[in-house]
Amino acid sequence: MSSELAEGESARPVEGLSTDELLAAMARLGQVRLFLFMGGWVASINMNTNTTGASFEVSSEHHLPTPRDALKQCYERALGAVAQLQPGELKP
């Protein structure tokens, strides 16, 4: 993933994204998981990296009330992580 994608992603407010758009945007960052765990929703992304065999995971809190809440929180955290990386550290 390039820094240009990260900038483009963060330019559009998360609130303005539909759930489908949110999932598609998250899928560009890596492998997305959304699941119900003990009565609350959790989302996570296994983020892509340029290093073979290396990745990192970003996740929402556990027990969020709706799937969208979990996706939104995870995506915002992922964008924050991407913003802190040097250009070229992630791949599409």
Protein backbone atom coordinates (compact mmCIF):
# COMPACT_ATOMS: atom_id res chain seq x y z
CA MET A 1 0.00 0.00 0.00
CA SER A 2 1.39 3.41 -0.83
CA SER A 3 1.27 6.54 1.26
CA GLU A 4 -0.90 8.05 -1.50
CA LEU A 5 -3.61 5.45 -0.82
CA ALA A 6 -3.37 6.13 2.88
CA GLU A 7 -3.77 9.85 2.27
CA GLY A 8 -6.68 9.26 -0.12
CA GLU A 9 -8.37 6.95 2.35
CA SER A 10 -8.07 9.39 5.22
CA ALA A 11 -9.33 12.28 3.08
CA ARG A 12 -12.88 10.90 3.11
CA PRO A 13 -14.50 10.91 6.54
CA VAL A 14 -15.24 7.43 7.86
CA GLU A 15 -18.74 8.60 8.77
CA GLY A 16 -19.41 9.23 5.07
CA LEU A 17 -18.64 5.63 4.09
CA SER A 18 -21.35 3.00 3.78
CA THR A 19 -20.66 -0.33 5.47
CA ASP A 20 -19.83 -1.86 2.06
CA GLU A 21 -17.42 0.99 1.26
CA LEU A 22 -15.85 0.66 4.70
CA LEU A 23 -15.27 -3.08 4.19
CA ALA A 24 -13.82 -2.49 0.69
CA ALA A 25 -11.47 0.21 2.00
CA MET A 26 -10.33 -2.06 4.81
CA ALA A 27 -9.74 -4.95 2.39
CA ARG A 28 -7.23 -2.77 0.50
CA LEU A 29 -5.16 -2.65 3.69
CA GLY A 30 -5.13 -6.39 4.34
CA GLN A 31 -7.20 -9.38 5.43
CA VAL A 32 -10.35 -8.21 7.26
CA ARG A 33 -12.16 -10.22 9.91
CA LEU A 34 -15.48 -9.31 11.51
CA PHE A 35 -17.01 -11.55 14.13
CA LEU A 36 -19.42 -11.74 17.01
CA PHE A 37 -17.65 -12.71 20.23
CA MET A 38 -19.46 -13.26 23.51
CA GLY A 39 -22.29 -10.91 22.55
CA GLY A 40 -20.22 -8.07 21.07
CA TRP A 41 -18.69 -7.29 17.68
CA VAL A 42 -14.97 -7.26 16.89
CA ALA A 43 -13.16 -6.30 13.68
CA SER A 44 -9.51 -6.78 12.81
CA ILE A 45 -7.18 -6.38 9.84
CA ASN A 46 -4.05 -8.44 9.29
CA MET A 47 -2.14 -5.61 7.60
CA ASN A 48 -0.05 -6.17 4.47
CA THR A 49 3.68 -5.36 4.60
CA ASN A 50 6.54 -5.37 2.08
CA THR A 51 8.56 -7.85 4.16
CA THR A 52 8.02 -11.52 3.33
CA GLY A 53 6.53 -13.33 6.29
CA ALA A 54 5.87 -10.15 8.25
CA SER A 55 2.54 -8.54 9.10
CA PHE A 56 0.84 -6.72 11.91
CA GLU A 57 -2.69 -6.75 13.18
CA VAL A 58 -4.98 -3.86 14.03
CA SER A 59 -8.23 -4.54 15.84
CA SER A 60 -11.19 -2.86 17.44
CA GLU A 61 -12.16 -3.21 21.05
CA HIS A 62 -14.20 -6.30 21.92
CA HIS A 63 -17.91 -6.22 22.68
CA LEU A 64 -18.93 -3.30 20.43
CA PRO A 65 -22.70 -3.02 19.94
CA THR A 66 -22.85 -3.20 16.11
CA PRO A 67 -20.72 -4.60 13.27
CA ARG A 68 -20.37 -1.07 11.86
CA ASP A 69 -19.01 0.24 15.17
CA ALA A 70 -16.35 -2.47 15.16
CA LEU A 71 -15.42 -1.84 11.51
CA LYS A 72 -15.28 1.92 11.99
CA GLN A 73 -13.04 1.74 15.05
CA CYS A 74 -10.70 -0.78 13.44
CA TYR A 75 -10.44 1.23 10.22
CA GLU A 76 -9.70 4.46 12.07
CA ARG A 77 -6.97 2.68 14.05
CA ALA A 78 -5.54 1.17 10.85
CA LEU A 79 -5.38 4.59 9.18
CA GLY A 80 -3.61 5.93 12.26
CA ALA A 81 -1.06 3.10 12.06
CA VAL A 82 -0.51 3.68 8.34
CA ALA A 83 -0.01 7.41 8.89
CA GLN A 84 2.86 6.65 11.28
CA LEU A 85 4.72 4.35 8.84
CA GLN A 86 7.40 5.45 6.43
CA PRO A 87 6.41 5.47 2.71
CA GLY A 88 6.83 2.07 1.11
CA GLU A 89 6.39 0.04 4.29
CA LEU A 90 3.01 -1.33 3.17
CA LYS A 91 1.97 -2.86 -0.13
CA PRO A 92 -1.46 -2.92 -1.82
